[in-house]
Amino acid sequence: MKLEEPHYSDDLKGRARLCRDVILSAGALVLRGFQDSATRSFSMKGPQDFLTETDAASEAHIRTAIAAHFPDDAFFGEEGGGTISNRLWVVDPVDGTANFARGIPHFCISIAYIENGRAEIGAIFNPAQDELYFAERGAGATRNGQPIRVSATTAFEAASVEMGWSGRVANEIYLEAISDLLALGTNVRRAGSGALALAYVADGRSDAYVELHMNSWDCLAGLLLVAEAGGEVCPFMDIGSLRDGGPVLASAPGIAGGISRASRIPIASASERVAELALT
């Protein structure tokens, strides 16, 4: 898929248009890789940390498109790293690679744009389901162009909570958090893509998402989506960092307090909402 237009205005609106176009074109590339079993072969970066050739191809595609239109913007990606500056794109080229490699259509591309220390644009696209989640700071969140809101759930016994985990935190700590979430009465599940899990909280498909350590490329777009969809989120950059990651909590307001206590991850105050958060 080609970019819709060769030039974009040098402002947030221009970058939002590029973000939307490039995540869709990267999605077409990723979908082709998913449909070809040969390109789903994988190597391991670490325990339960999968890598396919599509990850690298997707990141290169996104990096090249951004550099072509905004050469002074910095880029920080999961596969190739990068630099951090006042105008920064943070990218996960395929989140949910283990699903992708096994032929499970639950994976996505995640792109966040940060300007002057603030999350301005967030996009998450699952090309296998043709679902594009998009948010601009102060303008709400959408799925395929339609406004979305977090769920109205207030009863823990009716709540579905997704929890992600990795080897970066000891299993015992995860098991304690899961036990406390179950004790509230919630259903706890894991689908294998943290970025999509956050999008599903924004969309009301899940009531909360918890991960005790998450990389910034996995969560910045999703946290902005949840905040713009009316949810409660953690102060990610106060308790973690852009380069090193940190704990993540996003929740429907009606159960956020209990989820925060069970996970031991704080909720941002009104002044710390991700939509306004200084990412320094």
C-alpha atoms as a PDB file:
ATOM      1  CA  MET A   1       0.000   0.000   0.000  1.00  0.00           C
ATOM      2  CA  LYS A   2       1.410   3.415  -0.949  1.00  0.00           C
ATOM      3  CA  LEU A   3       1.222   6.486   1.227  1.00  0.00           C
ATOM      4  CA  GLU A   4      -1.834   8.507   0.289  1.00  0.00           C
ATOM      5  CA  GLU A   5       0.112  11.727  -0.356  1.00  0.00           C
ATOM      6  CA  PRO A   6       3.837  12.418  -0.816  1.00  0.00           C
ATOM      7  CA  HIS A   7       3.931  15.463   1.478  1.00  0.00           C
ATOM      8  CA  TYR A   8       2.617  16.226   4.955  1.00  0.00           C
ATOM      9  CA  SER A   9       2.441  19.566   6.750  1.00  0.00           C
ATOM     10  CA  ASP A  10       5.076  20.057   9.438  1.00  0.00           C
ATOM     11  CA  ASP A  11       2.652  20.139  12.361  1.00  0.00           C
ATOM     12  CA  LEU A  12       0.639  17.724  14.489  1.00  0.00           C
ATOM     13  CA  LYS A  13      -2.071  17.383  11.862  1.00  0.00           C
ATOM     14  CA  GLY A  14       0.498  16.439   9.241  1.00  0.00           C
ATOM     15  CA  ARG A  15       2.115  13.928  11.559  1.00  0.00           C
ATOM     16  CA  ALA A  16      -1.259  12.459  12.497  1.00  0.00           C
ATOM     17  CA  ARG A  17      -2.013  11.931   8.797  1.00  0.00           C
ATOM     18  CA  LEU A  18       1.378  10.320   8.241  1.00  0.00           C
ATOM     19  CA  CYS A  19       0.925   8.131  11.315  1.00  0.00           C
ATOM     20  CA  ARG A  20      -2.409   6.889  10.031  1.00  0.00           C
ATOM     21  CA  ASP A  21      -1.059   6.266   6.527  1.00  0.00           C
ATOM     22  CA  VAL A  22       2.162   4.568   7.548  1.00  0.00           C
ATOM     23  CA  ILE A  23       0.559   2.248  10.098  1.00  0.00           C
ATOM     24  CA  LEU A  24      -1.885   1.099   7.417  1.00  0.00           C
ATOM     25  CA  SER A  25       0.860   0.544   4.845  1.00  0.00           C
ATOM     26  CA  ALA A  26       3.000  -1.276   7.430  1.00  0.00           C
ATOM     27  CA  GLY A  27      -0.090  -3.325   8.265  1.00  0.00           C
ATOM     28  CA  ALA A  28      -0.375  -4.440   4.644  1.00  0.00           C
ATOM     29  CA  LEU A  29       3.269  -5.564   4.777  1.00  0.00           C
ATOM     30  CA  VAL A  30       2.735  -7.405   8.071  1.00  0.00           C
ATOM     31  CA  LEU A  31      -0.438  -9.077   6.817  1.00  0.00           C
ATOM     32  CA  ARG A  32       1.398 -10.410   3.765  1.00  0.00           C
ATOM     33  CA  GLY A  33       4.027 -11.849   6.088  1.00  0.00           C
ATOM     34  CA  PHE A  34       1.348 -13.425   8.265  1.00  0.00           C
ATOM     35  CA  GLN A  35      -0.311 -15.073   5.276  1.00  0.00           C
ATOM     36  CA  ASP A  36       2.999 -16.589   4.105  1.00  0.00           C
ATOM     37  CA  SER A  37       3.984 -19.383   6.470  1.00  0.00           C
ATOM     38  CA  ALA A  38       7.607 -19.164   5.295  1.00  0.00           C
ATOM     39  CA  THR A  39       7.983 -15.633   6.665  1.00  0.00           C
ATOM     40  CA  ARG A  40       6.428 -16.653   9.984  1.00  0.00           C
ATOM     41  CA  SER A  41       9.526 -18.670  10.869  1.00  0.00           C
ATOM     42  CA  PHE A  42      11.162 -17.176  13.944  1.00  0.00           C
ATOM     43  CA  SER A  43      14.281 -16.894  16.036  1.00  0.00           C
ATOM     44  CA  MET A  44      14.494 -16.175  19.746  1.00  0.00           C
ATOM     45  CA  LYS A  45      15.841 -12.941  21.236  1.00  0.00           C
ATOM     46  CA  GLY A  46      15.396 -14.407  24.716  1.00  0.00           C
ATOM     47  CA  PRO A  47      13.019 -16.627  26.702  1.00  0.00           C
ATOM     48  CA  GLN A  48       9.511 -16.281  25.179  1.00  0.00           C
ATOM     49  CA  ASP A  49      10.802 -13.336  23.093  1.00  0.00           C
ATOM     50  CA  PHE A  50      10.171 -14.091  19.418  1.00  0.00           C
ATOM     51  CA  LEU A  51      11.559 -12.417  16.294  1.00  0.00           C
ATOM     52  CA  THR A  52      10.480 -12.873  12.667  1.00  0.00           C
ATOM     53  CA  GLU A  53      11.767 -11.248   9.506  1.00  0.00           C
ATOM     54  CA  THR A  54       8.478  -9.344   9.329  1.00  0.00           C
ATOM     55  CA  ASP A  55       9.319  -7.479  12.550  1.00  0.00           C
ATOM     56  CA  ALA A  56      12.452  -6.036  10.976  1.00  0.00           C
ATOM     57  CA  ALA A  57      10.749  -5.319   7.643  1.00  0.00           C
ATOM     58  CA  SER A  58       7.865  -3.499   9.307  1.00  0.00           C
ATOM     59  CA  GLU A  59      10.151  -1.340  11.446  1.00  0.00           C
ATOM     60  CA  ALA A  60      12.352  -0.474   8.449  1.00  0.00           C
ATOM     61  CA  HIS A  61       9.265   0.504   6.449  1.00  0.00           C
ATOM     62  CA  ILE A  62       7.969   2.794   9.196  1.00  0.00           C
ATOM     63  CA  ARG A  63      11.380   4.295   9.929  1.00  0.00           C
ATOM     64  CA  THR A  64      11.989   5.028   6.228  1.00  0.00           C
ATOM     65  CA  ALA A  65       8.597   6.682   5.734  1.00  0.00           C
ATOM     66  CA  ILE A  66       8.996   8.917   8.777  1.00  0.00           C
ATOM     67  CA  ALA A  67      12.543   9.895   7.816  1.00  0.00           C
ATOM     68  CA  ALA A  68      11.401  10.760   4.295  1.00  0.00           C
ATOM     69  CA  HIS A  69       8.771  13.230   5.493  1.00  0.00           C
ATOM     70  CA  PHE A  70      10.141  14.391   8.856  1.00  0.00           C
ATOM     71  CA  PRO A  71      13.915  13.863   8.723  1.00  0.00           C
ATOM     72  CA  ASP A  72      14.550  15.882  11.875  1.00  0.00           C
ATOM     73  CA  ASP A  73      12.243  13.708  14.007  1.00  0.00           C
ATOM     74  CA  ALA A  74      13.854  11.020  16.170  1.00  0.00           C
ATOM     75  CA  PHE A  75      12.862   7.358  16.031  1.00  0.00           C
ATOM     76  CA  PHE A  76      12.921   4.772  18.828  1.00  0.00           C
ATOM     77  CA  GLY A  77      11.916   1.240  17.798  1.00  0.00           C
ATOM     78  CA  GLU A  78      11.854  -2.160  19.427  1.00  0.00           C
ATOM     79  CA  GLU A  79      14.156  -3.820  16.922  1.00  0.00           C
ATOM     80  CA  GLY A  80      16.608  -1.079  15.981  1.00  0.00           C
ATOM     81  CA  GLY A  81      16.525   1.223  18.995  1.00  0.00           C
ATOM     82  CA  GLY A  82      17.294   4.839  18.183  1.00  0.00           C
ATOM     83  CA  THR A  83      17.657   8.223  19.807  1.00  0.00           C
ATOM     84  CA  ILE A  84      15.342  10.302  21.964  1.00  0.00           C
ATOM     85  CA  SER A  85      14.581  13.951  21.271  1.00  0.00           C
ATOM     86  CA  ASN A  86      11.802  16.533  21.510  1.00  0.00           C
ATOM     87  CA  ARG A  87      10.091  15.144  18.414  1.00  0.00           C
ATOM     88  CA  LEU A  88      10.041  11.388  18.726  1.00  0.00           C
ATOM     89  CA  TRP A  89       8.285   8.393  17.171  1.00  0.00           C
ATOM     90  CA  VAL A  90       8.117   5.285  19.393  1.00  0.00           C
ATOM     91  CA  VAL A  91       7.342   2.116  17.424  1.00  0.00           C
ATOM     92  CA  ASP A  92       6.656  -1.570  17.945  1.00  0.00           C
ATOM     93  CA  PRO A  93       6.597  -3.023  14.415  1.00  0.00           C
ATOM     94  CA  VAL A  94       4.831  -6.249  15.458  1.00  0.00           C
ATOM     95  CA  ASP A  95       3.493  -6.676  18.986  1.00  0.00           C
ATOM     96  CA  GLY A  96       2.318 -10.204  19.665  1.00  0.00           C
ATOM     97  CA  THR A  97       5.038 -11.857  17.588  1.00  0.00           C
ATOM     98  CA  ALA A  98       4.501 -15.227  19.299  1.00  0.00           C
ATOM     99  CA  ASN A  99       0.883 -15.168  18.075  1.00  0.00           C
ATOM    100  CA  PHE A 100       2.001 -14.025  14.625  1.00  0.00           C
ATOM    101  CA  ALA A 101       4.553 -16.836  14.352  1.00  0.00           C
ATOM    102  CA  ARG A 102       1.943 -19.457  15.290  1.00  0.00           C
ATOM    103  CA  GLY A 103      -0.711 -18.220  12.863  1.00  0.00           C
ATOM    104  CA  ILE A 104      -2.932 -16.615  15.524  1.00  0.00           C
ATOM    105  CA  PRO A 105      -4.491 -13.365  14.205  1.00  0.00           C
ATOM    106  CA  HIS A 106      -4.003 -11.416  17.436  1.00  0.00           C
ATOM    107  CA  PHE A 107      -1.060  -9.065  16.861  1.00  0.00           C
ATOM    108  CA  CYS A 108      -0.622  -5.424  15.939  1.00  0.00           C
ATOM    109  CA  ILE A 109       1.609  -2.501  15.053  1.00  0.00           C
ATOM    110  CA  SER A 110       1.906   0.264  17.644  1.00  0.00           C
ATOM    111  CA  ILE A 111       3.080   3.829  16.928  1.00  0.00           C
ATOM    112  CA  ALA A 112       3.210   6.772  19.323  1.00  0.00           C
ATOM    113  CA  TYR A 113       4.381  10.285  18.534  1.00  0.00           C
ATOM    114  CA  ILE A 114       5.857  12.390  21.359  1.00  0.00           C
ATOM    115  CA  GLU A 115       6.418  16.132  21.000  1.00  0.00           C
ATOM    116  CA  ASN A 116       8.035  18.422  23.543  1.00  0.00           C
ATOM    117  CA  GLY A 117       7.771  15.725  26.193  1.00  0.00           C
ATOM    118  CA  ARG A 118       4.104  14.923  25.634  1.00  0.00           C
ATOM    119  CA  ALA A 119       2.233  12.051  23.983  1.00  0.00           C
ATOM    120  CA  GLU A 120       0.314  13.615  21.094  1.00  0.00           C
ATOM    121  CA  ILE A 121      -0.662  10.747  18.772  1.00  0.00           C
ATOM    122  CA  GLY A 122      -1.214   7.036  19.335  1.00  0.00           C
ATOM    123  CA  ALA A 123      -2.120   4.367  16.779  1.00  0.00           C
ATOM    124  CA  ILE A 124      -2.573   0.593  17.082  1.00  0.00           C
ATOM    125  CA  PHE A 125      -3.493  -1.501  14.039  1.00  0.00           C
ATOM    126  CA  ASN A 126      -4.369  -5.190  13.840  1.00  0.00           C
ATOM    127  CA  PRO A 127      -4.217  -5.895  10.089  1.00  0.00           C
ATOM    128  CA  ALA A 128      -5.568  -9.442  10.446  1.00  0.00           C
ATOM    129  CA  GLN A 129      -8.812  -8.028  11.871  1.00  0.00           C
ATOM    130  CA  ASP A 130      -8.624  -4.738   9.928  1.00  0.00           C
ATOM    131  CA  GLU A 131      -9.030  -2.716  13.137  1.00  0.00           C
ATOM    132  CA  LEU A 132      -7.279   0.626  13.490  1.00  0.00           C
ATOM    133  CA  TYR A 133      -7.298   2.333  16.885  1.00  0.00           C
ATOM    134  CA  PHE A 134      -6.315   5.997  16.795  1.00  0.00           C
ATOM    135  CA  ALA A 135      -6.043   8.822  19.318  1.00  0.00           C
ATOM    136  CA  GLU A 136      -4.895  12.409  19.286  1.00  0.00           C
ATOM    137  CA  ARG A 137      -4.385  14.211  22.562  1.00  0.00           C
ATOM    138  CA  GLY A 138      -7.549  16.035  23.536  1.00  0.00           C
ATOM    139  CA  ALA A 139      -9.561  14.679  20.588  1.00  0.00           C
ATOM    140  CA  GLY A 140     -10.783  11.322  21.902  1.00  0.00           C
ATOM    141  CA  ALA A 141     -10.121   7.798  20.677  1.00  0.00           C
ATOM    142  CA  THR A 142     -11.570   5.845  17.764  1.00  0.00           C
ATOM    143  CA  ARG A 143     -11.718   2.379  16.222  1.00  0.00           C
ATOM    144  CA  ASN A 144     -11.993   2.492  12.428  1.00  0.00           C
ATOM    145  CA  GLY A 145     -13.082   6.104  12.718  1.00  0.00           C
ATOM    146  CA  GLN A 146     -15.848   5.527  15.274  1.00  0.00           C
ATOM    147  CA  PRO A 147     -15.559   6.941  18.819  1.00  0.00           C
ATOM    148  CA  ILE A 148     -14.830   4.441  21.577  1.00  0.00           C
ATOM    149  CA  ARG A 149     -15.171   4.540  25.362  1.00  0.00           C
ATOM    150  CA  VAL A 150     -13.959   2.382  28.206  1.00  0.00           C
ATOM    151  CA  SER A 151     -16.461   0.069  29.865  1.00  0.00           C
ATOM    152  CA  ALA A 152     -18.916   1.104  32.550  1.00  0.00           C
ATOM    153  CA  THR A 153     -18.096  -1.955  34.694  1.00  0.00           C
ATOM    154  CA  THR A 154     -18.186  -1.340  38.441  1.00  0.00           C
ATOM    155  CA  ALA A 155     -18.487  -4.901  39.823  1.00  0.00           C
ATOM    156  CA  PHE A 156     -15.308  -6.948  40.118  1.00  0.00           C
ATOM    157  CA  GLU A 157     -17.349 -10.136  39.745  1.00  0.00           C
ATOM    158  CA  ALA A 158     -18.250  -8.987  36.209  1.00  0.00           C
ATOM    159  CA  ALA A 159     -14.797  -7.675  35.289  1.00  0.00           C
ATOM    160  CA  SER A 160     -12.436  -9.198  32.734  1.00  0.00           C
ATOM    161  CA  VAL A 161      -8.850  -8.156  33.378  1.00  0.00           C
ATOM    162  CA  GLU A 162      -5.948  -8.975  31.083  1.00  0.00           C
ATOM    163  CA  MET A 163      -2.482  -9.371  32.555  1.00  0.00           C
ATOM    164  CA  GLY A 164       0.776  -9.648  30.654  1.00  0.00           C
ATOM    165  CA  TRP A 165       4.047 -10.901  32.021  1.00  0.00           C
ATOM    166  CA  SER A 166       7.669 -11.531  31.098  1.00  0.00           C
ATOM    167  CA  GLY A 167      10.925 -12.743  32.576  1.00  0.00           C
ATOM    168  CA  ARG A 168      11.841  -9.181  33.545  1.00  0.00           C
ATOM    169  CA  VAL A 169       9.874  -9.637  36.792  1.00  0.00           C
ATOM    170  CA  ALA A 170      10.084 -12.687  39.059  1.00  0.00           C
ATOM    171  CA  ASN A 171       7.286 -15.228  38.647  1.00  0.00           C
ATOM    172  CA  GLU A 172       6.512 -15.052  42.354  1.00  0.00           C
ATOM    173  CA  ILE A 173       5.597 -11.379  42.072  1.00  0.00           C
ATOM    174  CA  TYR A 174       3.319 -12.049  39.108  1.00  0.00           C
ATOM    175  CA  LEU A 175       1.646 -14.934  40.901  1.00  0.00           C
ATOM    176  CA  GLU A 176       0.988 -12.721  43.916  1.00  0.00           C
ATOM    177  CA  ALA A 177      -0.602 -10.058  41.721  1.00  0.00           C
ATOM    178  CA  ILE A 178      -2.743 -12.641  39.875  1.00  0.00           C
ATOM    179  CA  SER A 179      -3.855 -14.109  43.211  1.00  0.00           C
ATOM    180  CA  ASP A 180      -4.917 -10.695  44.470  1.00  0.00           C
ATOM    181  CA  LEU A 181      -6.795  -9.938  41.236  1.00  0.00           C
ATOM    182  CA  LEU A 182      -8.615 -13.272  41.448  1.00  0.00           C
ATOM    183  CA  ALA A 183      -9.446 -12.603  45.095  1.00  0.00           C
ATOM    184  CA  LEU A 184     -11.332  -9.496  43.986  1.00  0.00           C
ATOM    185  CA  GLY A 185     -13.541 -11.718  41.858  1.00  0.00           C
ATOM    186  CA  THR A 186     -12.163 -10.688  38.462  1.00  0.00           C
ATOM    187  CA  ASN A 187     -11.526 -12.959  35.504  1.00  0.00           C
ATOM    188  CA  VAL A 188      -7.817 -12.821  34.586  1.00  0.00           C
ATOM    189  CA  ARG A 189      -6.687 -13.716  31.074  1.00  0.00           C
ATOM    190  CA  ARG A 190      -3.748 -13.262  28.711  1.00  0.00           C
ATOM    191  CA  ALA A 191      -3.945 -12.963  24.924  1.00  0.00           C
ATOM    192  CA  GLY A 192      -0.310 -12.292  24.041  1.00  0.00           C
ATOM    193  CA  SER A 193      -0.280  -8.665  22.819  1.00  0.00           C
ATOM    194  CA  GLY A 194       0.043  -5.945  25.424  1.00  0.00           C
ATOM    195  CA  ALA A 195      -0.567  -3.145  22.932  1.00  0.00           C
ATOM    196  CA  LEU A 196      -3.822  -4.728  21.733  1.00  0.00           C
ATOM    197  CA  ALA A 197      -4.785  -5.401  25.339  1.00  0.00           C
ATOM    198  CA  LEU A 198      -4.601  -1.659  26.024  1.00  0.00           C
ATOM    199  CA  ALA A 199      -6.610  -0.920  22.884  1.00  0.00           C
ATOM    200  CA  TYR A 200      -9.246  -3.363  24.113  1.00  0.00           C
ATOM    201  CA  VAL A 201      -9.489  -1.506  27.434  1.00  0.00           C
ATOM    202  CA  ALA A 202     -10.022   1.723  25.489  1.00  0.00           C
ATOM    203  CA  ASP A 203     -12.723  -0.049  23.461  1.00  0.00           C
ATOM    204  CA  GLY A 204     -14.504  -1.569  26.473  1.00  0.00           C
ATOM    205  CA  ARG A 205     -13.707  -5.118  25.367  1.00  0.00           C
ATOM    206  CA  SER A 206     -11.621  -5.572  28.520  1.00  0.00           C
ATOM    207  CA  ASP A 207     -12.082  -3.759  31.800  1.00  0.00           C
ATOM    208  CA  ALA A 208      -8.414  -3.412  32.754  1.00  0.00           C
ATOM    209  CA  TYR A 209      -4.877  -4.307  31.735  1.00  0.00           C
ATOM    210  CA  VAL A 210      -1.963  -4.903  34.103  1.00  0.00           C
ATOM    211  CA  GLU A 211       1.691  -5.597  33.350  1.00  0.00           C
ATOM    212  CA  LEU A 212       4.420  -5.298  35.970  1.00  0.00           C
ATOM    213  CA  HIS A 213       7.033  -4.325  33.394  1.00  0.00           C
ATOM    214  CA  MET A 214       6.316  -3.158  29.862  1.00  0.00           C
ATOM    215  CA  ASN A 215       8.506  -1.463  27.273  1.00  0.00           C
ATOM    216  CA  SER A 216       7.563   2.011  26.102  1.00  0.00           C
ATOM    217  CA  TRP A 217       7.061   0.939  22.481  1.00  0.00           C
ATOM    218  CA  ASP A 218       4.424  -1.543  23.679  1.00  0.00           C
ATOM    219  CA  CYS A 219       2.381   0.838  25.811  1.00  0.00           C
ATOM    220  CA  LEU A 220       2.637   4.555  24.960  1.00  0.00           C
ATOM    221  CA  ALA A 221       0.062   4.477  22.159  1.00  0.00           C
ATOM    222  CA  GLY A 222      -2.278   2.298  24.196  1.00  0.00           C
ATOM    223  CA  LEU A 223      -2.070   4.430  27.318  1.00  0.00           C
ATOM    224  CA  LEU A 224      -2.993   7.495  25.291  1.00  0.00           C
ATOM    225  CA  LEU A 225      -5.915   5.581  23.756  1.00  0.00           C
ATOM    226  CA  VAL A 226      -7.232   4.565  27.184  1.00  0.00           C
ATOM    227  CA  ALA A 227      -6.852   8.072  28.617  1.00  0.00           C
ATOM    228  CA  GLU A 228      -8.630   9.587  25.616  1.00  0.00           C
ATOM    229  CA  ALA A 229     -11.392   6.970  25.904  1.00  0.00           C
ATOM    230  CA  GLY A 230     -12.124   8.029  29.489  1.00  0.00           C
ATOM    231  CA  GLY A 231     -10.093   5.426  31.372  1.00  0.00           C
ATOM    232  CA  GLU A 232      -7.715   5.586  34.303  1.00  0.00           C
ATOM    233  CA  VAL A 233      -4.015   5.001  33.664  1.00  0.00           C
ATOM    234  CA  CYS A 234      -0.777   4.818  35.632  1.00  0.00           C
ATOM    235  CA  PRO A 235       1.797   7.661  35.606  1.00  0.00           C
ATOM    236  CA  PHE A 236       4.064   5.561  33.381  1.00  0.00           C
ATOM    237  CA  MET A 237       7.005   7.925  33.128  1.00  0.00           C
ATOM    238  CA  ASP A 238       6.997   8.664  36.865  1.00  0.00           C
ATOM    239  CA  ILE A 239       7.280   4.987  37.779  1.00  0.00           C
ATOM    240  CA  GLY A 240       9.282   3.857  34.741  1.00  0.00           C
ATOM    241  CA  SER A 241      11.079   5.460  31.808  1.00  0.00           C
ATOM    242  CA  LEU A 242      10.895   5.870  28.074  1.00  0.00           C
ATOM    243  CA  ARG A 243      14.124   3.956  27.469  1.00  0.00           C
ATOM    244  CA  ASP A 244      13.852   1.294  30.184  1.00  0.00           C
ATOM    245  CA  GLY A 245      10.089   0.749  30.511  1.00  0.00           C
ATOM    246  CA  GLY A 246       8.097   0.210  33.673  1.00  0.00           C
ATOM    247  CA  PRO A 247       4.830  -1.068  35.189  1.00  0.00           C
ATOM    248  CA  VAL A 248       1.551  -0.448  33.349  1.00  0.00           C
ATOM    249  CA  LEU A 249      -2.026  -0.181  34.546  1.00  0.00           C
ATOM    250  CA  ALA A 250      -5.026   0.930  32.489  1.00  0.00           C
ATOM    251  CA  SER A 251      -8.573   0.493  33.701  1.00  0.00           C
ATOM    252  CA  ALA A 252     -12.208   1.422  33.455  1.00  0.00           C
ATOM    253  CA  PRO A 253     -12.830   4.022  36.197  1.00  0.00           C
ATOM    254  CA  GLY A 254     -15.362   1.884  38.078  1.00  0.00           C
ATOM    255  CA  ILE A 255     -12.808  -0.753  39.100  1.00  0.00           C
ATOM    256  CA  ALA A 256      -9.538   1.186  38.843  1.00  0.00           C
ATOM    257  CA  GLY A 257      -8.975   1.615  42.577  1.00  0.00           C
ATOM    258  CA  GLY A 258      -9.208  -2.088  43.323  1.00  0.00           C
ATOM    259  CA  ILE A 259      -7.065  -3.066  40.346  1.00  0.00           C
ATOM    260  CA  SER A 260      -4.457  -0.544  41.472  1.00  0.00           C
ATOM    261  CA  ARG A 261      -4.366  -1.965  44.992  1.00  0.00           C
ATOM    262  CA  ALA A 262      -4.186  -5.565  43.778  1.00  0.00           C
ATOM    263  CA  SER A 263      -1.397  -4.856  41.281  1.00  0.00           C
ATOM    264  CA  ARG A 264       0.395  -2.284  43.474  1.00  0.00           C
ATOM    265  CA  ILE A 265       0.599   0.057  40.487  1.00  0.00           C
ATOM    266  CA  PRO A 266      -0.579   3.622  41.155  1.00  0.00           C
ATOM    267  CA  ILE A 267      -3.186   5.501  39.142  1.00  0.00           C
ATOM    268  CA  ALA A 268      -2.192   8.886  37.740  1.00  0.00           C
ATOM    269  CA  SER A 269      -3.729  11.936  39.335  1.00  0.00           C
ATOM    270  CA  ALA A 270      -5.810  14.179  37.110  1.00  0.00           C
ATOM    271  CA  SER A 271      -2.779  16.362  36.387  1.00  0.00           C
ATOM    272  CA  GLU A 272      -0.657  13.326  35.500  1.00  0.00           C
ATOM    273  CA  ARG A 273      -2.961  11.780  32.883  1.00  0.00           C
ATOM    274  CA  VAL A 274      -1.000  10.358  29.982  1.00  0.00           C
ATOM    275  CA  ALA A 275      -2.789  12.755  27.644  1.00  0.00           C
ATOM    276  CA  GLU A 276      -1.017  15.582  29.477  1.00  0.00           C
ATOM    277  CA  LEU A 277       2.003  13.717  30.846  1.00  0.00           C
ATOM    278  CA  ALA A 278       5.517  15.067  30.425  1.00  0.00           C
ATOM    279  CA  LEU A 279       7.557  12.144  29.097  1.00  0.00           C
ATOM    280  CA  THR A 280      10.962  13.276  30.269  1.00  0.00           C
END
